[in-house]
């Protein structure tokens, strides 16, 4: 009996457990069906990150690059001033000479003879003057007592005057002979660099013309003559009058020289003057700058370009060229991040390029942020996350440190 009751109790417990398992399965199925009716919620993507630069206005020199050629400050053509045979050349070609240095020697023998003859003529004229003057003095006393006629006295006075004129003429001839004898020694009229000798020893020079013997050029400092369009000059003056630009103080205009190979000359120059006339054939105005040339690196005739600071824009806004794009109509635009971090396409006006920067004359103001990197990820009106732009150079420096 006991075993039968145990079996019956186990069977009851089994049916109860089965019922509980069946109920739990139904509940799980209901929950699964309820879950299948709702989509899972995903978080919204963050706004795209763009690199921006904050626009700042600052004083900016307005520079212009103009072509021109170098020219010596002083050029002297050394010429033979007397006729004669060239005996020797004293200087070394291509060397530096100083004013007064002996350069050539012309045969002085004929000139010395002419000088001696002039001295003799002067002595003869002096003796003749002494004689005629003494006679005139004696006749002056005798004519008063009628010992000589008035005519004889007048002739004696005239002879004395003629003798005095002969003395003056002989003196002038002697001075000329002395000068010619001095010209036999050809000296440098100025200090500078002398070129090659244009006449060799043994040549007859100065015969009927002043033969050119050499050329001396003063190269330190040196001039740079360049030209500017009269239209550009007129536009600059109009911007001065309109208050858009400020004039550079007198004597403060900086001039930088760019050589033929593109290198920058290490010494800064100064603007000397701008011509007051315009060439009617070219419409250009000539300007002149002066540069120190201690190493004689600059030579007359060399072509170069001058970078001239002509004015100052006191409130200039510069934008990297990478931040300016051009639409289908060719108008320049920039992407601006507004205070609420939205993208706005802004048309701007550019005036000139300085290196890799555009000068913006309208469309931007101080404090605004423009996008320099991340254009591909944004559209106008989109919310973005602005971060400061870091140039590749600065980034590399930061990695090195």
Protein backbone atom coordinates (compact mmCIF):
# COMPACT_ATOMS: atom_id res chain seq x y z
CA UNK A 1 0.00 0.00 0.00
CA UNK A 2 2.81 2.34 0.90
CA UNK A 3 4.55 1.83 -2.48
CA UNK A 4 1.28 2.49 -4.36
CA UNK A 5 0.79 5.80 -2.56
CA UNK A 6 4.36 6.91 -3.33
CA UNK A 7 3.91 6.12 -6.99
CA UNK A 8 0.65 8.07 -7.08
CA UNK A 9 2.27 11.06 -5.35
CA UNK A 10 5.20 11.09 -7.87
CA UNK A 11 2.81 11.00 -10.78
CA UNK A 12 0.92 14.04 -9.37
CA UNK A 13 4.07 15.99 -8.85
CA UNK A 14 5.18 15.27 -12.45
CA UNK A 15 1.95 16.59 -13.91
CA UNK A 16 2.25 19.77 -11.85
CA UNK A 17 5.85 20.39 -13.02
CA UNK A 18 4.88 19.83 -16.61
CA UNK A 19 2.12 22.39 -16.26
CA UNK A 20 4.55 24.96 -14.85
CA UNK A 21 7.06 24.40 -17.69
CA UNK A 22 4.34 24.72 -20.28
CA UNK A 23 3.14 28.05 -18.79
CA UNK A 24 6.65 29.50 -18.72
CA UNK A 25 7.13 28.63 -22.40
CA UNK A 26 3.91 30.38 -23.36
CA UNK A 27 4.98 33.52 -21.47
CA UNK A 28 8.35 33.55 -23.18
CA UNK A 29 6.74 33.17 -26.58
CA UNK A 30 4.39 36.09 -25.86
CA UNK A 31 7.33 38.28 -24.85
CA UNK A 32 9.25 37.33 -28.01
CA UNK A 33 6.29 38.19 -30.18
CA UNK A 34 5.91 41.53 -28.41
CA UNK A 35 9.61 42.30 -28.95
CA UNK A 36 9.44 41.55 -32.66
CA UNK A 37 6.87 44.32 -33.16
CA UNK A 38 9.38 47.19 -32.13
CA UNK A 39 12.62 48.30 -33.98
CA UNK A 40 15.80 48.73 -31.89
CA UNK A 41 16.79 52.43 -31.29
CA UNK A 42 20.36 53.44 -32.51
CA UNK A 43 22.17 56.62 -31.31
CA UNK A 44 22.40 59.59 -33.76
CA UNK A 45 25.90 60.01 -35.48
CA UNK A 46 28.07 62.85 -34.16
CA UNK A 47 28.49 65.98 -36.37
CA UNK A 48 31.44 65.78 -38.78
CA UNK A 49 34.69 67.35 -37.63
CA UNK A 50 36.19 70.18 -39.73
CA UNK A 51 39.40 72.16 -39.31
CA UNK A 52 38.82 75.91 -39.10
CA UNK A 53 40.82 79.12 -38.86
CA UNK A 54 39.63 82.23 -37.05
CA UNK A 55 39.93 85.29 -39.28
CA UNK A 56 42.00 88.18 -37.85
CA UNK A 57 42.65 91.58 -39.43
CA UNK A 58 46.16 93.03 -39.23
CA UNK A 59 48.40 95.59 -40.89
CA UNK A 60 49.81 94.18 -44.14
CA UNK A 61 52.35 95.80 -46.48
CA UNK A 62 51.13 95.92 -50.08
CA UNK A 63 53.98 94.62 -52.24
CA UNK A 64 54.48 94.59 -55.99
CA UNK A 65 57.04 92.66 -58.02
CA UNK A 66 58.46 94.66 -60.91
CA UNK A 67 61.19 93.74 -63.45
CA UNK A 68 64.27 95.80 -64.15
CA UNK A 69 68.04 95.86 -64.59
CA UNK A 70 70.99 96.82 -62.44
CA UNK A 71 73.07 99.87 -63.25
CA UNK A 72 76.31 101.29 -61.86
CA UNK A 73 76.03 104.34 -59.63
CA UNK A 74 78.88 106.02 -61.52
CA UNK A 75 80.52 105.09 -64.82
CA UNK A 76 83.68 106.75 -66.14
CA UNK A 77 85.17 106.18 -69.59
CA UNK A 78 88.94 106.58 -69.33
CA UNK A 79 90.17 108.30 -72.52
CA UNK A 80 93.46 109.57 -73.88
CA UNK A 81 93.46 113.38 -73.65
CA UNK A 82 96.70 113.90 -75.58
CA UNK A 83 98.15 112.30 -78.70
CA UNK A 84 101.01 109.86 -78.31
CA UNK A 85 102.19 106.27 -78.24
CA UNK A 86 100.80 104.16 -75.38
CA UNK A 87 103.86 102.85 -73.53
CA UNK A 88 102.38 100.63 -70.80
CA UNK A 89 99.32 99.58 -68.85
CA UNK A 90 99.80 99.83 -65.08
CA UNK A 91 96.57 98.39 -63.65
CA UNK A 92 95.30 94.79 -63.44
CA UNK A 93 92.17 94.23 -65.49
CA UNK A 94 89.05 93.59 -63.41
CA UNK A 95 90.59 95.00 -60.23
CA UNK A 96 89.45 97.70 -57.85
CA UNK A 97 91.06 101.09 -58.42
CA UNK A 98 90.94 104.32 -56.48
CA UNK A 99 90.59 107.83 -57.83
CA UNK A 100 94.04 109.11 -58.81
CA UNK A 101 95.61 105.68 -59.38
CA UNK A 102 97.87 105.53 -62.46
CA UNK A 103 96.32 103.40 -65.22
CA UNK A 104 98.31 104.06 -68.46
CA UNK A 105 101.47 105.85 -69.48
CA UNK A 106 101.63 107.69 -72.80
CA UNK A 107 105.07 108.55 -74.23
CA UNK A 108 105.87 111.90 -72.55
CA UNK A 109 108.95 112.84 -74.67
CA UNK A 110 107.17 114.97 -77.31
CA UNK A 111 105.04 116.57 -74.62
CA UNK A 112 108.10 117.32 -72.51
CA UNK A 113 109.72 119.02 -75.51
CA UNK A 114 106.60 121.12 -76.05
CA UNK A 115 106.65 122.07 -72.40
CA UNK A 116 110.30 123.14 -72.63
CA UNK A 117 109.54 125.23 -75.72
CA UNK A 118 106.70 126.93 -73.89
CA UNK A 119 108.98 127.75 -71.00
CA UNK A 120 111.52 129.30 -73.44
CA UNK A 121 108.80 131.32 -75.15
CA UNK A 122 107.64 132.63 -71.82
CA UNK A 123 111.18 133.63 -70.88
CA UNK A 124 111.62 135.41 -74.24
CA UNK A 125 108.35 137.25 -73.83
CA UNK A 126 109.36 138.30 -70.34
CA UNK A 127 112.67 139.70 -71.55
CA UNK A 128 110.98 141.57 -74.36
CA UNK A 129 108.47 143.02 -71.94
CA UNK A 130 111.25 144.20 -69.65
CA UNK A 131 112.95 146.03 -72.54
CA UNK A 132 109.82 147.66 -73.98
CA UNK A 133 108.57 148.69 -70.57
CA UNK A 134 111.89 150.35 -69.71
CA UNK A 135 111.83 152.31 -72.97
CA UNK A 136 108.28 153.44 -72.35
CA UNK A 137 109.24 154.63 -68.87
CA UNK A 138 112.18 156.67 -70.26
CA UNK A 139 110.05 158.24 -73.02
CA UNK A 140 107.48 159.25 -70.44
CA UNK A 141 110.09 161.58 -68.84
CA UNK A 142 111.55 162.81 -72.14
CA UNK A 143 108.22 163.65 -73.75
CA UNK A 144 107.55 166.14 -70.95
CA UNK A 145 110.65 168.19 -71.89
CA UNK A 146 110.04 167.64 -75.62
CA UNK A 147 113.20 165.53 -75.95
CA UNK A 148 111.15 162.93 -77.92
CA UNK A 149 108.08 163.37 -79.96
CA UNK A 150 104.63 162.40 -78.71
CA UNK A 151 104.47 159.80 -81.48
CA UNK A 152 107.64 158.08 -80.32
CA UNK A 153 106.30 157.96 -76.77
CA UNK A 154 103.01 156.45 -77.94
CA UNK A 155 104.90 153.79 -79.93
CA UNK A 156 106.96 152.89 -76.84
CA UNK A 157 103.83 152.57 -74.67
CA UNK A 158 102.19 150.36 -77.32
CA UNK A 159 105.28 148.16 -77.55
CA UNK A 160 105.27 147.69 -73.77
CA UNK A 161 101.59 146.72 -73.85
CA UNK A 162 102.30 144.26 -76.66
CA UNK A 163 105.15 142.79 -74.64
CA UNK A 164 102.84 142.31 -71.65
CA UNK A 165 100.31 140.52 -73.88
CA UNK A 166 103.06 138.29 -75.21
CA UNK A 167 103.99 137.36 -71.64
CA UNK A 168 100.39 136.41 -70.82
CA UNK A 169 100.10 134.37 -74.02
CA UNK A 170 103.36 132.57 -73.28
CA UNK A 171 102.17 131.84 -69.75
CA UNK A 172 98.94 130.30 -71.08
CA UNK A 173 100.90 128.22 -73.59
CA UNK A 174 103.15 126.97 -70.81
CA UNK A 175 100.14 126.00 -68.69
CA UNK A 176 98.69 124.09 -71.66
CA UNK A 177 102.01 122.32 -72.18
CA UNK A 178 102.14 121.43 -68.48
CA UNK A 179 98.60 120.01 -68.66
CA UNK A 180 99.39 117.95 -71.73
CA UNK A 181 102.52 116.61 -70.09
CA UNK A 182 100.43 115.66 -67.08
CA UNK A 183 97.87 113.95 -69.31
CA UNK A 184 100.61 111.58 -70.49
CA UNK A 185 100.08 109.82 -67.16
CA UNK A 186 96.48 108.56 -67.34
CA UNK A 187 94.86 108.27 -63.88
CA UNK A 188 91.52 106.95 -62.60
CA UNK A 189 88.89 109.71 -62.39
CA UNK A 190 86.73 107.76 -59.90
CA UNK A 191 87.06 104.79 -57.56
CA UNK A 192 85.49 101.52 -58.65
CA UNK A 193 85.93 98.31 -60.63
CA UNK A 194 87.90 98.68 -63.87
CA UNK A 195 87.24 96.42 -66.82
CA UNK A 196 89.51 95.21 -69.57
CA UNK A 197 91.98 97.49 -71.36
CA UNK A 198 90.46 98.64 -74.65
CA UNK A 199 93.81 99.64 -76.19
CA UNK A 200 97.12 97.78 -76.14
CA UNK A 201 100.65 99.07 -75.64
CA UNK A 202 102.28 100.53 -78.75
CA UNK A 203 99.07 101.97 -80.15
CA UNK A 204 98.82 105.60 -81.19
CA UNK A 205 96.10 107.16 -79.06
CA UNK A 206 94.50 110.57 -78.86
CA UNK A 207 95.18 111.42 -82.51
CA UNK A 208 92.26 113.63 -83.64
CA UNK A 209 90.00 111.96 -81.03
CA UNK A 210 89.96 111.04 -77.35
CA UNK A 211 90.66 107.31 -77.63
CA UNK A 212 88.78 105.17 -75.07
CA UNK A 213 91.24 103.19 -72.97
CA UNK A 214 89.09 101.52 -70.25
CA UNK A 215 85.84 101.84 -68.28
CA UNK A 216 85.52 102.20 -64.50
CA UNK A 217 82.21 101.47 -62.75
CA UNK A 218 81.30 102.15 -59.15
CA UNK A 219 79.39 99.08 -57.96
CA UNK A 220 78.94 99.63 -54.22
CA UNK A 221 76.26 100.79 -53.82
CA UNK A 222 74.49 99.89 -57.07
CA UNK A 223 71.29 101.13 -58.70
CA UNK A 224 68.31 99.04 -59.77
CA UNK A 225 66.12 100.71 -62.39
CA UNK A 226 62.68 99.20 -62.91
CA UNK A 227 59.34 100.21 -64.39
CA UNK A 228 55.73 100.23 -63.25
CA UNK A 229 52.57 100.65 -65.28
CA UNK A 230 51.06 104.11 -64.96
CA UNK A 231 47.66 102.38 -64.54
CA UNK A 232 48.87 100.58 -61.40
CA UNK A 233 50.31 103.80 -60.02
CA UNK A 234 47.02 105.63 -60.64
CA UNK A 235 45.02 102.86 -58.93
CA UNK A 236 47.32 103.03 -55.92
CA UNK A 237 46.86 106.79 -55.59
CA UNK A 238 43.08 106.42 -55.82
CA UNK A 239 43.12 103.85 -52.99
CA UNK A 240 45.19 106.29 -50.91
CA UNK A 241 42.60 109.01 -51.46
CA UNK A 242 39.73 106.63 -50.65
CA UNK A 243 41.37 105.67 -47.34
CA UNK A 244 41.66 101.99 -48.27
CA UNK A 245 45.44 102.08 -47.99
CA UNK A 246 47.95 104.05 -45.98
CA UNK A 247 51.06 105.54 -47.55
CA UNK A 248 54.48 104.29 -46.50
CA UNK A 249 56.50 106.90 -44.62
CA UNK A 250 59.08 108.75 -46.75
CA UNK A 251 62.31 106.76 -46.91
CA UNK A 252 60.66 103.72 -45.28
CA UNK A 253 59.64 101.88 -48.47
CA UNK A 254 61.45 98.53 -48.41
CA UNK A 255 62.74 96.98 -51.62
CA UNK A 256 63.74 93.32 -51.85
CA UNK A 257 65.66 92.06 -54.87
CA UNK A 258 64.93 88.68 -56.49
CA UNK A 259 67.82 87.52 -58.64
CA UNK A 260 67.64 85.72 -61.99
CA UNK A 261 67.87 82.27 -60.36
CA UNK A 262 64.97 83.07 -58.00
CA UNK A 263 67.09 83.60 -54.88
CA UNK A 264 66.52 86.61 -52.65
CA UNK A 265 69.39 89.08 -52.40
CA UNK A 266 70.44 89.22 -48.73
CA UNK A 267 70.71 93.03 -48.52
CA UNK A 268 67.63 95.22 -48.41
CA UNK A 269 67.43 98.25 -50.67
CA UNK A 270 65.74 101.64 -50.49
CA UNK A 271 63.60 103.45 -53.03
CA UNK A 272 65.27 106.64 -54.26
CA UNK A 273 62.68 108.16 -56.57
CA UNK A 274 59.86 107.61 -59.03
CA UNK A 275 60.09 109.44 -62.33
CA UNK A 276 57.60 112.25 -62.92
CA UNK A 277 57.01 111.36 -66.57
CA UNK A 278 55.39 108.39 -68.33
CA UNK A 279 56.99 106.83 -71.40
CA UNK A 280 54.41 107.50 -74.15
CA UNK A 281 55.44 104.37 -76.10
CA UNK A 282 55.11 101.90 -73.21
CA UNK A 283 52.90 103.65 -70.64
CA UNK A 284 55.45 102.85 -67.94
CA UNK A 285 57.03 104.96 -65.21
CA UNK A 286 60.67 104.43 -64.19
CA UNK A 287 61.63 103.91 -60.54
CA UNK A 288 65.09 103.63 -59.01
CA UNK A 289 66.25 101.75 -55.92
CA UNK A 290 69.69 101.56 -54.33
CA UNK A 291 71.25 98.39 -52.89
CA UNK A 292 74.50 97.84 -50.98
CA UNK A 293 76.85 95.60 -52.93
CA UNK A 294 79.84 94.87 -50.66
CA UNK A 295 80.66 91.52 -52.31
CA UNK A 296 80.19 92.75 -55.91
CA UNK A 297 77.55 90.06 -56.39
CA UNK A 298 75.40 92.45 -58.40
CA UNK A 299 76.76 93.54 -61.77
CA UNK A 300 75.51 96.21 -64.18
CA UNK A 301 73.15 94.84 -66.81
CA UNK A 302 71.87 91.93 -64.70
CA UNK A 303 68.12 91.28 -64.89
CA UNK A 304 66.23 91.04 -61.60
CA UNK A 305 62.84 91.68 -60.00
CA UNK A 306 62.14 94.13 -57.21
CA UNK A 307 59.59 93.37 -54.50
CA UNK A 308 58.48 96.85 -53.50
CA UNK A 309 56.40 97.82 -50.46
CA UNK A 310 54.30 100.69 -51.79
CA UNK A 311 51.53 100.95 -49.20
CA UNK A 312 50.08 99.47 -46.00
CA UNK A 313 46.62 97.94 -45.61
CA UNK A 314 45.94 98.61 -41.93
CA UNK A 315 42.98 96.17 -41.74
CA UNK A 316 43.94 93.39 -44.12
CA UNK A 317 42.39 89.92 -43.88
CA UNK A 318 44.49 87.06 -45.21
CA UNK A 319 43.07 83.61 -45.98
CA UNK A 320 45.07 80.54 -47.09
CA UNK A 321 44.44 79.74 -50.73
CA UNK A 322 43.29 76.25 -49.78
CA UNK A 323 40.28 77.82 -48.05
CA UNK A 324 39.03 79.65 -51.16
CA UNK A 325 37.07 77.82 -53.86
CA UNK A 326 35.60 78.98 -57.14
CA UNK A 327 32.12 78.22 -58.37
CA UNK A 328 30.86 77.63 -61.88
CA UNK A 329 30.66 81.39 -62.41
CA UNK A 330 34.26 81.83 -61.34
CA UNK A 331 33.38 83.77 -58.19
CA UNK A 332 35.50 82.99 -55.10
CA UNK A 333 33.74 81.62 -52.01
CA UNK A 334 34.68 80.34 -48.55
CA UNK A 335 32.87 78.03 -46.14
CA UNK A 336 32.09 79.79 -42.86
CA UNK A 337 31.12 78.08 -39.59
CA UNK A 338 28.42 80.22 -37.96
CA UNK A 339 28.18 80.74 -34.16
CA UNK A 340 25.65 77.85 -33.97
CA UNK A 341 28.19 75.57 -35.75
CA UNK A 342 26.35 75.48 -39.07
CA UNK A 343 28.08 75.64 -42.46
CA UNK A 344 27.48 78.69 -44.64
CA UNK A 345 28.88 79.34 -48.13
CA UNK A 346 30.07 82.94 -48.26
CA UNK A 347 31.06 84.83 -51.46
CA UNK A 348 34.20 86.95 -50.99
CA UNK A 349 36.30 89.39 -52.98
CA UNK A 350 40.04 88.84 -53.36
CA UNK A 351 42.55 91.48 -54.37
CA UNK A 352 46.00 89.90 -54.56
CA UNK A 353 47.99 86.87 -53.52
CA UNK A 354 50.81 87.11 -50.98
CA UNK A 355 52.69 83.82 -50.96
CA UNK A 356 50.06 81.13 -50.34
CA UNK A 357 47.53 83.62 -48.94
CA UNK A 358 44.69 85.54 -50.58
CA UNK A 359 43.95 89.06 -49.40
CA UNK A 360 40.19 89.35 -48.82
CA UNK A 361 38.76 92.82 -49.38
CA UNK A 362 35.08 92.00 -48.64
CA UNK A 363 32.92 89.13 -47.43
CA UNK A 364 34.68 88.33 -44.15
CA UNK A 365 35.21 90.09 -40.86
CA UNK A 366 37.38 89.60 -37.82
CA UNK A 367 36.40 86.70 -35.54
CA UNK A 368 34.64 84.55 -38.15
CA UNK A 369 35.73 80.95 -38.69
CA UNK A 370 36.41 79.50 -42.14
CA UNK A 371 36.87 75.84 -43.02
CA UNK A 372 40.32 74.85 -44.27
CA UNK A 373 39.99 71.05 -44.11
CA UNK A 374 37.05 68.63 -44.26
CA UNK A 375 35.10 70.15 -47.18
CA UNK A 376 34.14 66.73 -48.54
CA UNK A 377 32.12 65.81 -45.44
CA UNK A 378 29.90 68.88 -45.18
CA UNK A 379 27.09 70.64 -46.97
CA UNK A 380 25.64 74.14 -46.48
CA UNK A 381 23.38 74.20 -43.41
CA UNK A 382 24.94 71.12 -41.84
CA UNK A 383 25.96 71.17 -38.18
CA UNK A 384 29.68 70.51 -37.76
CA UNK A 385 32.26 70.25 -34.99
CA UNK A 386 34.97 72.90 -35.59
CA UNK A 387 38.52 72.21 -34.43
CA UNK A 388 41.56 74.50 -34.89
CA UNK A 389 43.40 73.93 -38.17
CA UNK A 390 46.95 72.64 -37.83
CA UNK A 391 49.22 73.01 -40.84
CA UNK A 392 51.31 69.98 -41.88
CA UNK A 393 54.46 71.86 -40.92
CA UNK A 394 53.22 72.59 -37.41
CA UNK A 395 51.98 69.02 -37.03
CA UNK A 396 55.37 67.67 -38.00
CA UNK A 397 57.06 69.97 -35.53
CA UNK A 398 54.71 68.78 -32.81
CA UNK A 399 55.48 65.14 -33.57
CA UNK A 400 59.19 65.84 -33.40
CA UNK A 401 58.89 67.45 -30.02
